Structures are given as C-alpha cells and as structure tokens.
Amino acid sequence: MQSFSLGNARAGVVETASHSYQFHLVQPEAPVPGEGWPALFLLDADGCFATAVEALRRMARRPDATAVTDMVIVGLGPVGGHAPAMRQRDFTTPRSGDDPASGGAADFLRFLRSDMLPMIGRFASIDMRRLTLFGHSLAGYFALWSLFEAESPFDRVCAASPSIWWDQDHLLARLPHLAGRESHVDILMGEWEGDLPPWQAREPDADRVRARRAERDMIGTARALSAHMAAHLPPGHCSFRLLPEEDHASLVSAAMPRALRLASRP
C-alpha cells in the first residue's frame, strides 16, 4: 500500500541562529505568470498545509465558480510538529509581567521577511505584491498584529479564531498605522466559540468552559476589532464572518476556502 502523497509538494528545514523550522511548499505546474504567483503563507502548517493544498486543487479547477486561482502555498511550523512553547514565543507581543519566553513576535516577523521569503524565492516565482498570511488562534493574533507593522511583507491577512485576548489594547492602540494602507483582512470566528455545542453543554465542566469563554469574549472582541479596522481601511477591505456550527478546531478547515479566495484577489 502506498502512503498518501501531496504530489509536487516539497519540504525542508530552515535554520535561524537559535531555532529550526520545517517548511512545506507547493506550486502550480502551469507556466509562471509574468508577475509571479500569488502566495498563501500558513502558520502552524503541521495542522493545515494538506487541508489548504487539497482545497486549492479542487477549487482552482473552476476559478469562474470559486474565485480561487492557482497560487503558491507555503507552510511553516516547528520541526517535529506542534510545539506550544515556540508558538507562545513567536506569535505574541510583550506584555508587562509576562514570562520572558513570550513576546517574540517582532523577531519572528523579521525572520519571515529576511530569511523565509528569500529562501522560498529560490524555489518558486512569487508576486511580492500578493502575499497572504493565514493564522489560527494565537497565530491569528500574530497575523493581525503584523498588519500594523511597516516591515511586514504581508498586506493580506486571514485570521481564524484570533486570540485577541492576548493583548487587545496593543492592537487597538496601533490602529492609526492602517491609515493610507490598502490592506485586506478577513476575521473568521465559529459560532461555537461563544455558545457551547449541544454535546459540550452536557459535560460536567460546561460551566467552567462558559466562564472562560465569557472572560475572553473572542467573538465580541473580534467583531469589535474588525469594525475598528474597517474604519481605517478602504471600503470592503475588512470583513468579519461568524461561521455557523463551527468550533475553535473545526474553523481551520472551514476558513481555508476563504483564505484561498483572499489570496486569489487581483
């Protein structure tokens, strides 16, 4: 029996002075357009790269119906898979009193711009004007934060279930940095990130889960931030979507077609 394969996908390791990351890349087999391919960059790629590649292959067959075109997909994650400590370091901004193991977002963004992008450019022809960043949960917070940074190469962001609770005030304070920008951002949340799904509501610890969700209010803060960002961006450049009957985990798969459409925009 043959193992599952993603065809022309390739993988490798990129090293920094102190850390190692696994990257995955797939590019179209069609001739490269003159300006290069648009590119979708996935954080936490160990949990979403294959999902994105399969969705692209199905949807790009009929761009007239799906609004999804061929593109390069790049995934990045820790060597060996899920690594909570690395996520805590790479995807967060500093907060007063926090563990020094967090707050490395600026360094990670610098790595993406100065190391990751040039390396990917050696494997694939990319249109540097059409770079989309996808992040889920804490990586979604990082993706939103990156929009406010002048050094970010990404001007399109799809943030799924973003952990805005990490430092909502920091994001709000940086809203003026969007002035004059043409950035596009999609913020996606699942219905069951607020209300509990029926099966979870019957569990013994349901009240504890409700209390934690009420404290973080992920849906409310995401909706509010989206409204604030929309006020600083051109009309139609920022959207908030609440997807029915999706939870924090299932939202990744439900969000992928929307990320592909965002990356396909001219």
Protein backbone atom coordinates (compact mmCIF):
# COMPACT_ATOMS: atom_id res chain seq x y z
CA MET A 1 0.00 0.00 0.00
CA GLN A 2 1.37 3.43 -0.96
CA SER A 3 1.45 6.23 1.58
CA PHE A 4 -0.57 9.40 1.00
CA SER A 5 1.26 11.97 -1.12
CA LEU A 6 0.66 15.62 -1.97
CA GLY A 7 2.29 15.24 -5.37
CA ASN A 8 4.70 18.05 -6.15
CA ALA A 9 4.85 19.36 -2.59
CA ARG A 10 8.33 19.69 -1.13
CA ALA A 11 9.59 20.09 2.41
CA GLY A 12 12.75 21.26 4.09
CA VAL A 13 14.22 22.87 7.17
CA VAL A 14 15.20 26.50 7.59
CA GLU A 15 17.59 27.39 10.39
CA THR A 16 17.96 30.56 12.41
CA ALA A 17 20.71 31.33 14.89
CA SER A 18 18.77 29.59 17.65
CA HIS A 19 15.77 27.75 16.16
CA SER A 20 14.77 25.37 13.37
CA TYR A 21 11.54 25.43 11.38
CA GLN A 22 10.02 22.95 8.97
CA PHE A 23 8.64 24.42 5.76
CA HIS A 24 6.36 22.93 3.13
CA LEU A 25 5.81 24.32 -0.35
CA VAL A 26 3.63 23.51 -3.33
CA GLN A 27 3.47 25.49 -6.56
CA PRO A 28 1.38 25.19 -9.72
CA GLU A 29 2.64 23.09 -12.58
CA ALA A 30 1.35 25.66 -15.10
CA PRO A 31 3.68 28.26 -16.69
CA VAL A 32 4.56 31.06 -14.28
CA PRO A 33 2.70 34.31 -15.00
CA GLY A 34 4.88 37.32 -15.78
CA GLU A 35 4.47 38.87 -12.34
CA GLY A 36 4.86 35.58 -10.47
CA TRP A 37 2.34 33.57 -8.46
CA PRO A 38 0.32 34.90 -5.56
CA ALA A 39 1.31 33.12 -2.35
CA LEU A 40 -0.53 31.98 0.74
CA PHE A 41 1.67 31.55 3.84
CA LEU A 42 0.32 29.25 6.54
CA LEU A 43 1.43 29.36 10.15
CA ASP A 44 1.09 26.17 12.24
CA ALA A 45 1.41 24.31 8.93
CA ASP A 46 1.53 20.89 10.58
CA GLY A 47 -2.21 21.30 11.16
CA CYS A 48 -3.38 22.92 7.91
CA PHE A 49 -0.97 22.55 4.96
CA ALA A 50 -2.54 19.42 3.48
CA THR A 51 -6.02 20.90 4.01
CA ALA A 52 -5.03 24.03 2.06
CA VAL A 53 -3.36 22.11 -0.77
CA GLU A 54 -6.32 19.79 -1.33
CA ALA A 55 -8.79 22.69 -1.17
CA LEU A 56 -6.73 24.63 -3.72
CA ARG A 57 -6.52 21.70 -6.14
CA ARG A 58 -10.27 21.25 -6.07
CA MET A 59 -11.25 24.92 -6.20
CA ALA A 60 -8.68 26.16 -8.74
CA ARG A 61 -10.13 23.83 -11.38
CA ARG A 62 -13.10 26.21 -11.69
CA PRO A 63 -11.93 29.73 -10.85
CA ASP A 64 -15.02 31.15 -12.54
CA ALA A 65 -17.18 29.40 -9.93
CA THR A 66 -14.90 29.50 -6.87
CA ALA A 67 -12.90 32.75 -7.30
CA VAL A 68 -9.79 30.71 -6.44
CA THR A 69 -6.84 30.72 -8.83
CA ASP A 70 -3.54 28.85 -8.91
CA MET A 71 -1.01 30.02 -6.33
CA VAL A 72 1.99 29.00 -4.29
CA ILE A 73 1.21 27.67 -0.81
CA VAL A 74 3.92 27.83 1.84
CA GLY A 75 3.55 26.26 5.25
CA LEU A 76 5.78 26.89 8.24
CA GLY A 77 5.92 25.16 11.59
CA PRO A 78 8.28 23.71 14.17
CA VAL A 79 10.37 20.69 13.31
CA GLY A 80 8.59 17.65 14.67
CA GLY A 81 5.12 19.18 14.79
CA HIS A 82 3.12 21.11 17.37
CA ALA A 83 5.34 22.98 19.87
CA PRO A 84 3.36 25.14 22.33
CA ALA A 85 6.45 26.88 23.71
CA MET A 86 7.54 28.04 20.26
CA ARG A 87 4.04 29.29 19.46
CA GLN A 88 3.96 31.21 22.74
CA ARG A 89 7.28 32.84 21.86
CA ASP A 90 6.82 33.53 18.15
CA PHE A 91 3.20 34.67 17.98
CA THR A 92 2.99 37.03 20.96
CA THR A 93 3.86 40.64 21.67
CA PRO A 94 5.45 41.56 25.02
CA ARG A 95 3.15 42.19 27.98
CA SER A 96 4.17 43.64 31.30
CA GLY A 97 4.95 40.89 33.80
CA ASP A 98 4.88 38.06 31.26
CA ASP A 99 7.30 35.19 31.14
CA PRO A 100 10.37 36.17 29.06
CA ALA A 101 9.69 33.09 26.93
CA SER A 102 6.86 35.03 25.25
CA GLY A 103 6.87 38.30 23.30
CA GLY A 104 8.98 37.31 20.28
CA ALA A 105 6.59 38.46 17.53
CA ALA A 106 8.93 41.16 16.19
CA ASP A 107 11.80 38.68 15.86
CA PHE A 108 9.59 36.13 14.15
CA LEU A 109 8.26 38.68 11.66
CA ARG A 110 11.83 39.71 10.90
CA PHE A 111 12.67 36.06 10.26
CA LEU A 112 9.74 35.70 7.86
CA ARG A 113 10.75 38.80 5.92
CA SER A 114 14.53 38.45 5.90
CA ASP A 115 15.07 34.68 5.89
CA MET A 116 11.93 32.80 4.93
CA LEU A 117 10.79 34.85 1.94
CA PRO A 118 14.19 34.98 0.19
CA MET A 119 14.59 31.24 0.68
CA ILE A 120 11.13 30.49 -0.79
CA GLY A 121 12.01 32.79 -3.69
CA ARG A 122 14.74 30.33 -4.67
CA PHE A 123 12.14 27.58 -5.14
CA ALA A 124 9.17 29.47 -6.58
CA SER A 125 8.45 32.66 -8.52
CA ILE A 126 6.25 34.76 -6.22
CA ASP A 127 4.45 38.06 -6.78
CA MET A 128 5.67 40.04 -3.78
CA ARG A 129 2.63 42.33 -4.04
CA ARG A 130 0.24 39.44 -3.37
CA LEU A 131 1.35 37.77 -0.14
CA THR A 132 -1.35 36.50 2.19
CA LEU A 133 -0.77 35.32 5.76
CA PHE A 134 -3.07 32.78 7.42
CA GLY A 135 -3.03 32.23 11.16
CA HIS A 136 -5.31 30.44 13.60
CA SER A 137 -5.77 31.15 17.30
CA LEU A 138 -2.56 32.66 18.71
CA ALA A 139 -1.13 32.68 15.17
CA GLY A 140 -4.25 34.64 14.19
CA TYR A 141 -3.31 37.28 16.76
CA PHE A 142 0.17 37.43 15.23
CA ALA A 143 -1.26 37.75 11.72
CA LEU A 144 -3.45 40.70 12.75
CA TRP A 145 -0.58 42.34 14.63
CA SER A 146 1.65 42.04 11.57
CA LEU A 147 -0.70 44.26 9.56
CA PHE A 148 0.26 47.23 11.71
CA GLU A 149 3.99 46.72 11.20
CA ALA A 150 5.70 48.69 8.42
CA GLU A 151 8.26 45.92 7.90
CA SER A 152 5.62 43.24 7.26
CA PRO A 153 5.66 41.87 3.71
CA PHE A 154 2.03 40.72 4.04
CA ASP A 155 -0.77 43.09 3.10
CA ARG A 156 -3.49 40.42 3.20
CA VAL A 157 -4.38 38.53 6.35
CA CYS A 158 -6.88 35.78 7.12
CA ALA A 159 -7.18 35.47 10.90
CA ALA A 160 -9.18 32.45 12.06
CA SER A 161 -10.29 32.50 15.70
CA PRO A 162 -7.62 35.09 16.56
CA SER A 163 -6.57 35.20 20.23
CA ILE A 164 -7.13 38.93 20.50
CA TRP A 165 -7.38 38.49 24.27
CA TRP A 166 -3.58 38.20 24.35
CA ASP A 167 -3.31 41.99 24.08
CA GLN A 168 -6.37 43.70 22.64
CA ASP A 169 -5.24 47.12 23.87
CA HIS A 170 -1.98 46.80 21.94
CA LEU A 171 -3.85 46.17 18.68
CA LEU A 172 -6.31 49.00 19.27
CA ALA A 173 -3.50 51.43 20.01
CA ARG A 174 -1.89 50.66 16.66
CA LEU A 175 -5.00 51.21 14.52
CA PRO A 176 -3.68 54.58 13.19
CA HIS A 177 -0.89 52.63 11.48
CA LEU A 178 -3.50 51.39 8.98
CA ALA A 179 -4.18 54.89 7.67
CA GLY A 180 -3.47 55.10 3.96
CA ARG A 181 -2.94 51.35 3.64
CA GLU A 182 -4.66 49.14 1.05
CA SER A 183 -4.50 46.01 3.22
CA HIS A 184 -7.19 43.33 3.14
CA VAL A 185 -8.19 41.39 6.25
CA ASP A 186 -10.74 38.64 6.90
CA ILE A 187 -11.51 37.77 10.52
CA LEU A 188 -13.36 34.49 11.00
CA MET A 189 -14.96 33.04 14.12
CA GLY A 190 -17.03 29.94 14.79
CA GLU A 191 -20.49 30.07 16.33
CA TRP A 192 -19.48 27.51 18.96
CA GLU A 193 -16.60 29.61 20.19
CA GLY A 194 -19.23 31.57 22.09
CA ASP A 195 -22.15 29.23 22.71
CA LEU A 196 -21.28 25.68 23.60
CA PRO A 197 -22.30 22.96 21.12
CA PRO A 198 -25.09 20.72 22.47
CA TRP A 199 -22.77 17.82 23.35
CA GLN A 200 -20.32 20.02 25.24
CA ALA A 201 -23.12 21.77 27.11
CA ARG A 202 -23.96 18.42 28.73
CA GLU A 203 -20.44 17.83 30.05
CA PRO A 204 -19.75 18.16 33.82
CA ASP A 205 -17.33 21.08 33.31
CA ALA A 206 -19.63 23.05 30.99
CA ASP A 207 -19.98 25.94 33.44
CA ARG A 208 -16.21 26.32 33.72
CA VAL A 209 -15.86 26.41 29.93
CA ARG A 210 -18.64 29.00 29.65
CA ALA A 211 -16.97 31.20 32.24
CA ARG A 212 -13.63 31.09 30.45
CA ARG A 213 -15.24 31.92 27.13
CA ALA A 214 -17.20 34.77 28.68
CA GLU A 215 -13.99 36.19 30.12
CA ARG A 216 -12.18 36.11 26.78
CA ASP A 217 -15.25 37.02 24.66
CA MET A 218 -13.44 36.01 21.49
CA ILE A 219 -16.39 36.64 19.20
CA GLY A 220 -17.20 40.04 20.66
CA THR A 221 -13.61 41.28 20.60
CA ALA A 222 -13.08 40.01 17.05
CA ARG A 223 -16.23 41.70 15.82
CA ALA A 224 -15.27 44.96 17.55
CA LEU A 225 -11.70 44.94 16.23
CA SER A 226 -12.98 44.25 12.73
CA ALA A 227 -15.23 47.31 12.94
CA HIS A 228 -12.35 49.47 14.13
CA MET A 229 -10.07 48.21 11.36
CA ALA A 230 -12.75 48.72 8.73
CA ALA A 231 -12.96 52.37 9.75
CA HIS A 232 -9.26 52.81 8.91
CA LEU A 233 -9.19 50.82 5.65
CA PRO A 234 -10.88 51.40 2.27
CA PRO A 235 -14.48 50.14 1.95
CA GLY A 236 -14.68 46.37 1.56
CA HIS A 237 -11.13 45.73 2.74
CA CYS A 238 -12.05 44.31 6.16
CA SER A 239 -14.67 41.70 6.93
CA PHE A 240 -15.89 39.73 9.94
CA ARG A 241 -17.68 36.41 9.48
CA LEU A 242 -19.30 34.20 12.10
CA LEU A 243 -19.45 30.70 10.66
CA PRO A 244 -22.40 28.61 11.92
CA GLU A 245 -21.83 25.34 13.78
CA GLU A 246 -18.04 25.64 13.78
CA ASP A 247 -15.81 25.48 16.85
CA HIS A 248 -12.24 26.57 17.55
CA ALA A 249 -10.76 23.44 15.97
CA SER A 250 -13.13 22.91 13.04
CA LEU A 251 -12.85 26.54 11.94
CA VAL A 252 -9.44 25.88 10.37
CA SER A 253 -10.94 23.69 7.63
CA ALA A 254 -13.96 25.96 7.17
CA ALA A 255 -11.73 29.04 6.88
CA MET A 256 -9.41 27.67 4.21
CA PRO A 257 -11.60 28.37 1.14
CA ARG A 258 -11.93 31.97 2.32
CA ALA A 259 -8.18 32.28 2.75
CA LEU A 260 -7.68 30.96 -0.78
CA ARG A 261 -10.15 33.49 -2.17
CA LEU A 262 -8.40 36.28 -0.32
CA ALA A 263 -5.04 35.22 -1.73
CA SER A 264 -6.53 35.00 -5.26
CA ARG A 265 -7.73 38.60 -5.40
CA PRO A 266 -6.06 40.65 -8.13
